[in-house]
Amino acid sequence: MPDSTPPEPARDEFDEAAAIRAANRFDIRRIIGGLFTLYGVVLVVVGLVGAHHVKVKASGINVNLWTGIGMLVFAALMLFWAFARPVQPEPPEAAGGEGSGRLRRAPA
C-alpha cells in the first residue's frame, strides 16, 4: 500500500510560497498605495462636484482637486513599486550567522 502523504520538500515549498504570498499581500507599499488611492479619489470627487465657493476659497485654486490628483499620482507610484518589485525571501546562503531578522552576527 503506497504512502499518500507528500514528501517533506514539497510541503516546505508550498509553505514558503504561501508565506511569500502573505508577505506580499500585507506589504506596506500596497497598504499605503491603497489608502492614498482611496483618499485621492474622495478629494478629486469633492474637488469636482463640491460647492463653488469652497473650490475657490484658496485664492481661486481648487485645493481639493489638486491635492487629490497628487495623492493619486503618489498612490500609483507606490503600487507600481510594490507590484514591480515584490517581496522575495532571503536566500539560504545569505541567512548564515547567528541571530534572526535583519541583524545577524557573521559566522566565525
PDB file of N, CA and C in Angstrom:
ATOM      1  N   MET A   1       0.841  -1.168   0.000  1.00  0.00           N
ATOM      2  CA  MET A   1       0.000   0.000   0.000  1.00  0.00           C
ATOM      3  C   MET A   1       0.891   1.238   0.000  1.00  0.00           C
ATOM      4  N   PRO A   2       0.806   2.076  -1.055  1.00  0.00           N
ATOM      5  CA  PRO A   2       1.683   3.250  -1.133  1.00  0.00           C
ATOM      6  C   PRO A   2       1.255   4.341  -0.153  1.00  0.00           C
ATOM      7  N   ASP A   3       2.250   5.056   0.293  1.00  0.00           N
ATOM      8  CA  ASP A   3       2.012   6.152   1.222  1.00  0.00           C
ATOM      9  C   ASP A   3       1.478   7.345   0.427  1.00  0.00           C
ATOM     10  N   SER A   4       0.347   7.922   0.828  1.00  0.00           N
ATOM     11  CA  SER A   4      -0.270   9.017   0.073  1.00  0.00           C
ATOM     12  C   SER A   4       0.148  10.398   0.565  1.00  0.00           C
ATOM     13  N   THR A   5       0.997  10.481   1.571  1.00  0.00           N
ATOM     14  CA  THR A   5       1.433  11.792   2.053  1.00  0.00           C
ATOM     15  C   THR A   5       2.530  12.330   1.153  1.00  0.00           C
ATOM     16  N   PRO A   6       2.494  13.641   0.877  1.00  0.00           N
ATOM     17  CA  PRO A   6       3.537  14.216   0.024  1.00  0.00           C
ATOM     18  C   PRO A   6       4.872  14.256   0.755  1.00  0.00           C
ATOM     19  N   PRO A   7       5.952  14.221   0.031  1.00  0.00           N
ATOM     20  CA  PRO A   7       7.263  14.306   0.681  1.00  0.00           C
ATOM     21  C   PRO A   7       7.452  15.679   1.318  1.00  0.00           C
ATOM     22  N   GLU A   8       8.313  15.753   2.293  1.00  0.00           N
ATOM     23  CA  GLU A   8       8.544  16.985   3.040  1.00  0.00           C
ATOM     24  C   GLU A   8       8.996  18.162   2.171  1.00  0.00           C
ATOM     25  N   PRO A   9       9.919  18.003   1.194  1.00  0.00           N
ATOM     26  CA  PRO A   9      10.336  19.174   0.421  1.00  0.00           C
ATOM     27  C   PRO A   9       9.171  19.851  -0.300  1.00  0.00           C
ATOM     28  N   ALA A  10       8.219  19.099  -0.813  1.00  0.00           N
ATOM     29  CA  ALA A  10       7.068  19.698  -1.496  1.00  0.00           C
ATOM     30  C   ALA A  10       6.237  20.504  -0.500  1.00  0.00           C
ATOM     31  N   ARG A  11       6.109  19.990   0.699  1.00  0.00           N
ATOM     32  CA  ARG A  11       5.344  20.702   1.712  1.00  0.00           C
ATOM     33  C   ARG A  11       6.057  21.999   2.092  1.00  0.00           C
ATOM     34  N   ASP A  12       7.381  21.946   2.228  1.00  0.00           N
ATOM     35  CA  ASP A  12       8.142  23.147   2.553  1.00  0.00           C
ATOM     36  C   ASP A  12       8.014  24.187   1.446  1.00  0.00           C
ATOM     37  N   GLU A  13       8.037  23.753   0.191  1.00  0.00           N
ATOM     38  CA  GLU A  13       7.889  24.685  -0.923  1.00  0.00           C
ATOM     39  C   GLU A  13       6.506  25.319  -0.913  1.00  0.00           C
ATOM     40  N   PHE A  14       5.477  24.524  -0.599  1.00  0.00           N
ATOM     41  CA  PHE A  14       4.115  25.056  -0.522  1.00  0.00           C
ATOM     42  C   PHE A  14       4.003  26.077   0.605  1.00  0.00           C
ATOM     43  N   ASP A  15       4.578  25.764   1.771  1.00  0.00           N
ATOM     44  CA  ASP A  15       4.544  26.693   2.901  1.00  0.00           C
ATOM     45  C   ASP A  15       5.302  27.966   2.582  1.00  0.00           C
ATOM     46  N   GLU A  16       6.430  27.836   1.904  1.00  0.00           N
ATOM     47  CA  GLU A  16       7.217  29.007   1.539  1.00  0.00           C
ATOM     48  C   GLU A  16       6.455  29.880   0.549  1.00  0.00           C
ATOM     49  N   ALA A  17       5.798  29.259  -0.422  1.00  0.00           N
ATOM     50  CA  ALA A  17       5.015  30.031  -1.395  1.00  0.00           C
ATOM     51  C   ALA A  17       3.859  30.741  -0.703  1.00  0.00           C
ATOM     52  N   ALA A  18       3.223  30.084   0.253  1.00  0.00           N
ATOM     53  CA  ALA A  18       2.129  30.717   0.994  1.00  0.00           C
ATOM     54  C   ALA A  18       2.645  31.883   1.832  1.00  0.00           C
ATOM     55  N   ALA A  19       3.823  31.732   2.416  1.00  0.00           N
ATOM     56  CA  ALA A  19       4.409  32.807   3.208  1.00  0.00           C
ATOM     57  C   ALA A  19       4.766  34.008   2.327  1.00  0.00           C
ATOM     58  N   ILE A  20       5.262  33.745   1.128  1.00  0.00           N
ATOM     59  CA  ILE A  20       5.602  34.834   0.211  1.00  0.00           C
ATOM     60  C   ILE A  20       4.342  35.583  -0.205  1.00  0.00           C
ATOM     61  N   ARG A  21       3.268  34.837  -0.513  1.00  0.00           N
ATOM     62  CA  ARG A  21       2.010  35.484  -0.893  1.00  0.00           C
ATOM     63  C   ARG A  21       1.468  36.337   0.249  1.00  0.00           C
ATOM     64  N   ALA A  22       1.549  35.835   1.469  1.00  0.00           N
ATOM     65  CA  ALA A  22       1.060  36.590   2.621  1.00  0.00           C
ATOM     66  C   ALA A  22       1.901  37.842   2.846  1.00  0.00           C
ATOM     67  N   ALA A  23       3.216  37.717   2.687  1.00  0.00           N
ATOM     68  CA  ALA A  23       4.085  38.880   2.859  1.00  0.00           C
ATOM     69  C   ALA A  23       3.793  39.931   1.803  1.00  0.00           C
ATOM     70  N   ASN A  24       3.542  39.517   0.573  1.00  0.00           N
ATOM     71  CA  ASN A  24       3.224  40.476  -0.480  1.00  0.00           C
ATOM     72  C   ASN A  24       1.845  41.090  -0.274  1.00  0.00           C
ATOM     73  N   ARG A  25       0.912  40.306   0.254  1.00  0.00           N
ATOM     74  CA  ARG A  25      -0.445  40.812   0.465  1.00  0.00           C
ATOM     75  C   ARG A  25      -0.444  41.941   1.496  1.00  0.00           C
ATOM     76  N   PHE A  26       0.376  41.828   2.518  1.00  0.00           N
ATOM     77  CA  PHE A  26       0.411  42.826   3.573  1.00  0.00           C
ATOM     78  C   PHE A  26       1.654  43.716   3.481  1.00  0.00           C
ATOM     79  N   ASP A  27       2.182  43.871   2.280  1.00  0.00           N
ATOM     80  CA  ASP A  27       3.324  44.751   2.053  1.00  0.00           C
ATOM     81  C   ASP A  27       2.894  46.189   2.328  1.00  0.00           C
ATOM     82  N   ILE A  28       3.700  46.915   3.067  1.00  0.00           N
ATOM     83  CA  ILE A  28       3.339  48.276   3.473  1.00  0.00           C
ATOM     84  C   ILE A  28       3.151  49.185   2.255  1.00  0.00           C
ATOM     85  N   ARG A  29       3.848  48.909   1.166  1.00  0.00           N
ATOM     86  CA  ARG A  29       3.687  49.739  -0.033  1.00  0.00           C
ATOM     87  C   ARG A  29       2.293  49.591  -0.614  1.00  0.00           C
ATOM     88  N   ARG A  30       1.739  48.396  -0.566  1.00  0.00           N
ATOM     89  CA  ARG A  30       0.370  48.181  -1.062  1.00  0.00           C
ATOM     90  C   ARG A  30      -0.652  48.856  -0.157  1.00  0.00           C
ATOM     91  N   ILE A  31      -0.444  48.785   1.133  1.00  0.00           N
ATOM     92  CA  ILE A  31      -1.369  49.411   2.071  1.00  0.00           C
ATOM     93  C   ILE A  31      -1.351  50.925   1.899  1.00  0.00           C
ATOM     94  N   ILE A  32      -0.161  51.509   1.814  1.00  0.00           N
ATOM     95  CA  ILE A  32      -0.053  52.953   1.621  1.00  0.00           C
ATOM     96  C   ILE A  32      -0.667  53.348   0.278  1.00  0.00           C
ATOM     97  N   GLY A  33      -0.365  52.598  -0.770  1.00  0.00           N
ATOM     98  CA  GLY A  33      -0.929  52.900  -2.084  1.00  0.00           C
ATOM     99  C   GLY A  33      -2.448  52.812  -2.085  1.00  0.00           C
ATOM    100  N   GLY A  34      -2.998  51.825  -1.404  1.00  0.00           N
ATOM    101  CA  GLY A  34      -4.454  51.689  -1.330  1.00  0.00           C
ATOM    102  C   GLY A  34      -5.108  52.833  -0.578  1.00  0.00           C
ATOM    103  N   LEU A  35      -4.516  53.224   0.548  1.00  0.00           N
ATOM    104  CA  LEU A  35      -5.079  54.330   1.318  1.00  0.00           C
ATOM    105  C   LEU A  35      -4.988  55.650   0.555  1.00  0.00           C
ATOM    106  N   PHE A  36      -3.862  55.915  -0.087  1.00  0.00           N
ATOM    107  CA  PHE A  36      -3.729  57.143  -0.861  1.00  0.00           C
ATOM    108  C   PHE A  36      -4.676  57.139  -2.054  1.00  0.00           C
ATOM    109  N   THR A  37      -4.937  55.965  -2.629  1.00  0.00           N
ATOM    110  CA  THR A  37      -5.907  55.883  -3.720  1.00  0.00           C
ATOM    111  C   THR A  37      -7.297  56.250  -3.205  1.00  0.00           C
ATOM    112  N   LEU A  38      -7.684  55.680  -2.083  1.00  0.00           N
ATOM    113  CA  LEU A  38      -8.999  55.955  -1.511  1.00  0.00           C
ATOM    114  C   LEU A  38      -9.161  57.444  -1.196  1.00  0.00           C
ATOM    115  N   TYR A  39      -8.217  58.024  -0.477  1.00  0.00           N
ATOM    116  CA  TYR A  39      -8.317  59.432  -0.109  1.00  0.00           C
ATOM    117  C   TYR A  39      -8.196  60.339  -1.332  1.00  0.00           C
ATOM    118  N   GLY A  40      -7.356  59.950  -2.292  1.00  0.00           N
ATOM    119  CA  GLY A  40      -7.216  60.751  -3.508  1.00  0.00           C
ATOM    120  C   GLY A  40      -8.501  60.782  -4.313  1.00  0.00           C
ATOM    121  N   VAL A  41      -9.173  59.645  -4.429  1.00  0.00           N
ATOM    122  CA  VAL A  41     -10.448  59.605  -5.166  1.00  0.00           C
ATOM    123  C   VAL A  41     -11.492  60.473  -4.463  1.00  0.00           C
ATOM    124  N   VAL A  42     -11.545  60.394  -3.137  1.00  0.00           N
ATOM    125  CA  VAL A  42     -12.500  61.218  -2.393  1.00  0.00           C
ATOM    126  C   VAL A  42     -12.221  62.697  -2.638  1.00  0.00           C
ATOM    127  N   LEU A  43     -10.971  63.112  -2.581  1.00  0.00           N
ATOM    128  CA  LEU A  43     -10.638  64.519  -2.786  1.00  0.00           C
ATOM    129  C   LEU A  43     -10.912  64.977  -4.215  1.00  0.00           C
ATOM    130  N   VAL A  44     -10.645  64.130  -5.198  1.00  0.00           N
ATOM    131  CA  VAL A  44     -10.929  64.501  -6.584  1.00  0.00           C
ATOM    132  C   VAL A  44     -12.433  64.670  -6.784  1.00  0.00           C
ATOM    133  N   VAL A  45     -13.218  63.762  -6.225  1.00  0.00           N
ATOM    134  CA  VAL A  45     -14.680  63.874  -6.352  1.00  0.00           C
ATOM    135  C   VAL A  45     -15.178  65.148  -5.671  1.00  0.00           C
ATOM    136  N   VAL A  46     -14.686  65.426  -4.466  1.00  0.00           N
ATOM    137  CA  VAL A  46     -15.092  66.648  -3.764  1.00  0.00           C
ATOM    138  C   VAL A  46     -14.634  67.873  -4.544  1.00  0.00           C
ATOM    139  N   GLY A  47     -13.452  67.815  -5.119  1.00  0.00           N
ATOM    140  CA  GLY A  47     -12.957  68.945  -5.906  1.00  0.00           C
ATOM    141  C   GLY A  47     -13.753  69.179  -7.172  1.00  0.00           C
ATOM    142  N   LEU A  48     -14.323  68.124  -7.750  1.00  0.00           N
ATOM    143  CA  LEU A  48     -15.095  68.281  -8.985  1.00  0.00           C
ATOM    144  C   LEU A  48     -16.555  68.664  -8.731  1.00  0.00           C
ATOM    145  N   VAL A  49     -17.173  68.090  -7.698  1.00  0.00           N
ATOM    146  CA  VAL A  49     -18.608  68.308  -7.513  1.00  0.00           C
ATOM    147  C   VAL A  49     -18.933  69.162  -6.286  1.00  0.00           C
ATOM    148  N   GLY A  50     -17.953  69.655  -5.583  1.00  0.00           N
ATOM    149  CA  GLY A  50     -18.201  70.460  -4.391  1.00  0.00           C
ATOM    150  C   GLY A  50     -18.741  71.839  -4.738  1.00  0.00           C
ATOM    151  N   ALA A  51     -19.118  72.576  -3.719  1.00  0.00           N
ATOM    152  CA  ALA A  51     -19.657  73.919  -3.902  1.00  0.00           C
ATOM    153  C   ALA A  51     -18.582  74.849  -4.474  1.00  0.00           C
ATOM    154  N   HIS A  52     -19.008  75.786  -5.294  1.00  0.00           N
ATOM    155  CA  HIS A  52     -18.066  76.679  -5.982  1.00  0.00           C
ATOM    156  C   HIS A  52     -17.303  77.565  -4.988  1.00  0.00           C
ATOM    157  N   HIS A  53     -17.993  78.081  -3.968  1.00  0.00           N
ATOM    158  CA  HIS A  53     -17.303  78.967  -3.020  1.00  0.00           C
ATOM    159  C   HIS A  53     -16.232  78.228  -2.220  1.00  0.00           C
ATOM    160  N   VAL A  54     -16.374  76.927  -2.032  1.00  0.00           N
ATOM    161  CA  VAL A  54     -15.354  76.129  -1.343  1.00  0.00           C
ATOM    162  C   VAL A  54     -14.182  75.871  -2.284  1.00  0.00           C
ATOM    163  N   LYS A  55     -14.480  75.666  -3.573  1.00  0.00           N
ATOM    164  CA  LYS A  55     -13.426  75.375  -4.553  1.00  0.00           C
ATOM    165  C   LYS A  55     -12.474  76.552  -4.726  1.00  0.00           C
ATOM    166  N   VAL A  56     -12.980  77.784  -4.677  1.00  0.00           N
ATOM    167  CA  VAL A  56     -12.141  78.961  -4.963  1.00  0.00           C
ATOM    168  C   VAL A  56     -11.725  79.685  -3.693  1.00  0.00           C
ATOM    169  N   LYS A  57     -11.855  79.044  -2.563  1.00  0.00           N
ATOM    170  CA  LYS A  57     -11.535  79.667  -1.278  1.00  0.00           C
ATOM    171  C   LYS A  57     -10.053  80.046  -1.162  1.00  0.00           C
ATOM    172  N   ALA A  58      -9.164  79.254  -1.707  1.00  0.00           N
ATOM    173  CA  ALA A  58      -7.717  79.473  -1.573  1.00  0.00           C
ATOM    174  C   ALA A  58      -7.188  80.213  -2.802  1.00  0.00           C
ATOM    175  N   SER A  59      -7.501  81.502  -2.893  1.00  0.00           N
ATOM    176  CA  SER A  59      -7.032  82.362  -3.992  1.00  0.00           C
ATOM    177  C   SER A  59      -7.423  81.808  -5.359  1.00  0.00           C
ATOM    178  N   GLY A  60      -8.584  81.228  -5.459  1.00  0.00           N
ATOM    179  CA  GLY A  60      -9.067  80.725  -6.745  1.00  0.00           C
ATOM    180  C   GLY A  60      -8.506  79.372  -7.149  1.00  0.00           C
ATOM    181  N   ILE A  61      -7.762  78.714  -6.269  1.00  0.00           N
ATOM    182  CA  ILE A  61      -7.172  77.405  -6.576  1.00  0.00           C
ATOM    183  C   ILE A  61      -8.035  76.319  -5.942  1.00  0.00           C
ATOM    184  N   ASN A  62      -8.390  75.313  -6.718  1.00  0.00           N
ATOM    185  CA  ASN A  62      -9.174  74.183  -6.216  1.00  0.00           C
ATOM    186  C   ASN A  62      -8.227  73.212  -5.512  1.00  0.00           C
ATOM    187  N   VAL A  63      -8.015  73.468  -4.229  1.00  0.00           N
ATOM    188  CA  VAL A  63      -7.028  72.717  -3.451  1.00  0.00           C
ATOM    189  C   VAL A  63      -7.405  71.239  -3.360  1.00  0.00           C
ATOM    190  N   ASN A  64      -8.682  70.942  -3.179  1.00  0.00           N
ATOM    191  CA  ASN A  64      -9.091  69.544  -3.073  1.00  0.00           C
ATOM    192  C   ASN A  64      -8.761  68.771  -4.344  1.00  0.00           C
ATOM    193  N   LEU A  65      -9.035  69.354  -5.493  1.00  0.00           N
ATOM    194  CA  LEU A  65      -8.768  68.681  -6.763  1.00  0.00           C
ATOM    195  C   LEU A  65      -7.275  68.435  -6.956  1.00  0.00           C
ATOM    196  N   TRP A  66      -6.457  69.454  -6.739  1.00  0.00           N
ATOM    197  CA  TRP A  66      -5.018  69.303  -6.962  1.00  0.00           C
ATOM    198  C   TRP A  66      -4.371  68.385  -5.936  1.00  0.00           C
ATOM    199  N   THR A  67      -4.824  68.444  -4.707  1.00  0.00           N
ATOM    200  CA  THR A  67      -4.292  67.539  -3.687  1.00  0.00           C
ATOM    201  C   THR A  67      -4.689  66.101  -4.002  1.00  0.00           C
ATOM    202  N   GLY A  68      -5.931  65.901  -4.432  1.00  0.00           N
ATOM    203  CA  GLY A  68      -6.396  64.561  -4.810  1.00  0.00           C
ATOM    204  C   GLY A  68      -5.608  63.993  -5.970  1.00  0.00           C
ATOM    205  N   ILE A  69      -5.324  64.819  -6.977  1.00  0.00           N
ATOM    206  CA  ILE A  69      -4.519  64.361  -8.118  1.00  0.00           C
ATOM    207  C   ILE A  69      -3.114  63.986  -7.660  1.00  0.00           C
ATOM    208  N   GLY A  70      -2.536  64.808  -6.787  1.00  0.00           N
ATOM    209  CA  GLY A  70      -1.204  64.497  -6.253  1.00  0.00           C
ATOM    210  C   GLY A  70      -1.199  63.190  -5.469  1.00  0.00           C
ATOM    211  N   MET A  71      -2.245  62.966  -4.691  1.00  0.00           N
ATOM    212  CA  MET A  71      -2.329  61.722  -3.918  1.00  0.00           C
ATOM    213  C   MET A  71      -2.499  60.518  -4.837  1.00  0.00           C
ATOM    214  N   LEU A  72      -3.261  60.662  -5.924  1.00  0.00           N
ATOM    215  CA  LEU A  72      -3.423  59.553  -6.868  1.00  0.00           C
ATOM    216  C   LEU A  72      -2.111  59.237  -7.585  1.00  0.00           C
ATOM    217  N   VAL A  73      -1.332  60.269  -7.903  1.00  0.00           N
ATOM    218  CA  VAL A  73      -0.028  60.036  -8.533  1.00  0.00           C
ATOM    219  C   VAL A  73       0.891  59.294  -7.571  1.00  0.00           C
ATOM    220  N   PHE A  74       0.918  59.746  -6.310  1.00  0.00           N
ATOM    221  CA  PHE A  74       1.747  59.070  -5.311  1.00  0.00           C
ATOM    222  C   PHE A  74       1.294  57.625  -5.098  1.00  0.00           C
ATOM    223  N   ALA A  75      -0.016  57.404  -5.055  1.00  0.00           N
ATOM    224  CA  ALA A  75      -0.553  56.048  -4.893  1.00  0.00           C
ATOM    225  C   ALA A  75      -0.151  55.162  -6.061  1.00  0.00           C
ATOM    226  N   ALA A  76      -0.204  55.703  -7.271  1.00  0.00           N
ATOM    227  CA  ALA A  76       0.193  54.923  -8.447  1.00  0.00           C
ATOM    228  C   ALA A  76       1.670  54.546  -8.367  1.00  0.00           C
ATOM    229  N   LEU A  77       2.508  55.456  -7.907  1.00  0.00           N
ATOM    230  CA  LEU A  77       3.938  55.153  -7.765  1.00  0.00           C
ATOM    231  C   LEU A  77       4.172  54.067  -6.715  1.00  0.00           C
ATOM    232  N   MET A  78       3.481  54.154  -5.591  1.00  0.00           N
ATOM    233  CA  MET A  78       3.648  53.135  -4.539  1.00  0.00           C
ATOM    234  C   MET A  78       3.175  51.766  -5.018  1.00  0.00           C
ATOM    235  N   LEU A  79       2.034  51.723  -5.689  1.00  0.00           N
ATOM    236  CA  LEU A  79       1.515  50.441  -6.163  1.00  0.00           C
ATOM    237  C   LEU A  79       2.390  49.866  -7.279  1.00  0.00           C
ATOM    238  N   PHE A  80       2.900  50.733  -8.154  1.00  0.00           N
ATOM    239  CA  PHE A  80       3.816  50.256  -9.201  1.00  0.00           C
ATOM    240  C   PHE A  80       5.060  49.657  -8.565  1.00  0.00           C
ATOM    241  N   TRP A  81       5.613  50.333  -7.572  1.00  0.00           N
ATOM    242  CA  TRP A  81       6.806  49.846  -6.883  1.00  0.00           C
ATOM    243  C   TRP A  81       6.522  48.494  -6.209  1.00  0.00           C
ATOM    244  N   ALA A  82       5.361  48.370  -5.573  1.00  0.00           N
ATOM    245  CA  ALA A  82       5.022  47.126  -4.878  1.00  0.00           C
ATOM    246  C   ALA A  82       4.845  45.962  -5.849  1.00  0.00           C
ATOM    247  N   PHE A  83       4.227  46.216  -7.011  1.00  0.00           N
ATOM    248  CA  PHE A  83       3.999  45.134  -7.968  1.00  0.00           C
ATOM    249  C   PHE A  83       5.228  44.855  -8.838  1.00  0.00           C
ATOM    250  N   ALA A  84       6.054  45.871  -9.069  1.00  0.00           N
ATOM    251  CA  ALA A  84       7.246  45.679  -9.905  1.00  0.00           C
ATOM    252  C   ALA A  84       8.357  44.951  -9.140  1.00  0.00           C
ATOM    253  N   ARG A  85       8.457  45.191  -7.834  1.00  0.00           N
ATOM    254  CA  ARG A  85       9.494  44.551  -7.016  1.00  0.00           C
ATOM    255  C   ARG A  85       8.857  43.916  -5.784  1.00  0.00           C
ATOM    256  N   PRO A  86       8.215  42.758  -5.956  1.00  0.00           N
ATOM    257  CA  PRO A  86       7.559  42.111  -4.813  1.00  0.00           C
ATOM    258  C   PRO A  86       8.575  41.610  -3.792  1.00  0.00           C
ATOM    259  N   VAL A  87       8.093  41.336  -2.618  1.00  0.00           N
ATOM    260  CA  VAL A  87       8.932  40.836  -1.529  1.00  0.00           C
ATOM    261  C   VAL A  87       9.442  39.453  -1.915  1.00  0.00           C
ATOM    262  N   GLN A  88      10.737  39.244  -1.780  1.00  0.00           N
ATOM    263  CA  GLN A  88      11.364  37.959  -2.084  1.00  0.00           C
ATOM    264  C   GLN A  88      11.975  37.402  -0.803  1.00  0.00           C
ATOM    265  N   PRO A  89      11.963  36.090  -0.645  1.00  0.00           N
ATOM    266  CA  PRO A  89      12.590  35.525   0.554  1.00  0.00           C
ATOM    267  C   PRO A  89      14.105  35.698   0.506  1.00  0.00           C
ATOM    268  N   GLU A  90      14.690  35.711   1.676  1.00  0.00           N
ATOM    269  CA  GLU A  90      16.143  35.824   1.771  1.00  0.00           C
ATOM    270  C   GLU A  90      16.763  34.503   1.342  1.00  0.00           C
ATOM    271  N   PRO A  91      17.772  34.541   0.459  1.00  0.00           N
ATOM    272  CA  PRO A  91      18.384  33.278   0.030  1.00  0.00           C
ATOM    273  C   PRO A  91      19.045  32.563   1.214  1.00  0.00           C
ATOM    274  N   PRO A  92      19.039  31.229   1.198  1.00  0.00           N
ATOM    275  CA  PRO A  92      19.586  30.486   2.350  1.00  0.00           C
ATOM    276  C   PRO A  92      21.063  30.766   2.601  1.00  0.00           C
ATOM    277  N   GLU A  93      21.832  31.012   1.550  1.00  0.00           N
ATOM    278  CA  GLU A  93      23.262  31.258   1.780  1.00  0.00           C
ATOM    279  C   GLU A  93      23.503  32.607   2.441  1.00  0.00           C
ATOM    280  N   ALA A  94      22.560  33.547   2.307  1.00  0.00           N
ATOM    281  CA  ALA A  94      22.707  34.849   2.961  1.00  0.00           C
ATOM    282  C   ALA A  94      22.178  34.807   4.388  1.00  0.00           C
ATOM    283  N   ALA A  95      21.513  33.744   4.761  1.00  0.00           N
ATOM    284  CA  ALA A  95      20.910  33.646   6.083  1.00  0.00           C
ATOM    285  C   ALA A  95      21.872  33.081   7.121  1.00  0.00           C
ATOM    286  N   GLY A  96      23.125  32.926   6.785  1.00  0.00           N
ATOM    287  CA  GLY A  96      24.086  32.370   7.727  1.00  0.00           C
ATOM    288  C   GLY A  96      24.353  33.308   8.879  1.00  0.00           C
ATOM    289  N   GLY A  97      24.993  32.818   9.881  1.00  0.00           N
ATOM    290  CA  GLY A  97      25.299  33.623  11.049  1.00  0.00           C
ATOM    291  C   GLY A  97      24.311  33.363  12.161  1.00  0.00           C
ATOM    292  N   GLU A  98      24.573  33.978  13.284  1.00  0.00           N
ATOM    293  CA  GLU A  98      23.711  33.783  14.443  1.00  0.00           C
ATOM    294  C   GLU A  98      22.674  34.885  14.498  1.00  0.00           C
ATOM    295  N   GLY A  99      21.565  34.584  15.139  1.00  0.00           N
ATOM    296  CA  GLY A  99      20.510  35.583  15.289  1.00  0.00           C
ATOM    297  C   GLY A  99      19.465  35.421  14.215  1.00  0.00           C
ATOM    298  N   SER A 100      18.498  36.305  14.269  1.00  0.00           N
ATOM    299  CA  SER A 100      17.438  36.256  13.284  1.00  0.00           C
ATOM    300  C   SER A 100      17.081  37.685  12.893  1.00  0.00           C
ATOM    301  N   GLY A 101      16.289  37.806  11.856  1.00  0.00           N
ATOM    302  CA  GLY A 101      15.875  39.134  11.424  1.00  0.00           C
ATOM    303  C   GLY A 101      16.971  39.801  10.627  1.00  0.00           C
ATOM    304  N   ARG A 102      16.957  41.118  10.631  1.00  0.00           N
ATOM    305  CA  ARG A 102      17.905  41.888   9.827  1.00  0.00           C
ATOM    306  C   ARG A 102      19.312  41.907  10.419  1.00  0.00           C
ATOM    307  N   LEU A 103      19.413  41.830  11.731  1.00  0.00           N
ATOM    308  CA  LEU A 103      20.727  41.911  12.369  1.00  0.00           C
ATOM    309  C   LEU A 103      21.224  40.515  12.675  1.00  0.00           C
ATOM    310  N   ARG A 104      22.302  40.159  12.059  1.00  0.00           N
ATOM    311  CA  ARG A 104      22.894  38.833  12.267  1.00  0.00           C
ATOM    312  C   ARG A 104      24.373  38.999  12.537  1.00  0.00           C
ATOM    313  N   ARG A 105      24.858  38.132  13.382  1.00  0.00           N
ATOM    314  CA  ARG A 105      26.281  38.113  13.652  1.00  0.00           C
ATOM    315  C   ARG A 105      26.943  37.238  12.602  1.00  0.00           C
ATOM    316  N   ALA A 106      28.023  37.699  12.026  1.00  0.00           N
ATOM    317  CA  ALA A 106      28.734  36.949  10.999  1.00  0.00           C
ATOM    318  C   ALA A 106      29.273  35.651  11.582  1.00  0.00           C
ATOM    319  N   PRO A 107      29.246  34.555  10.772  1.00  0.00           N
ATOM    320  CA  PRO A 107      29.797  33.297  11.285  1.00  0.00           C
ATOM    321  C   PRO A 107      31.296  33.430  11.528  1.00  0.00           C
ATOM    322  N   ALA A 108      31.769  32.799  12.585  1.00  0.00           N
ATOM    323  CA  ALA A 108      33.181  32.912  12.963  1.00  0.00           C
ATOM    324  C   ALA A 108      34.050  32.024  12.104  1.00  0.00           C
TER     325      ALA A 108
END
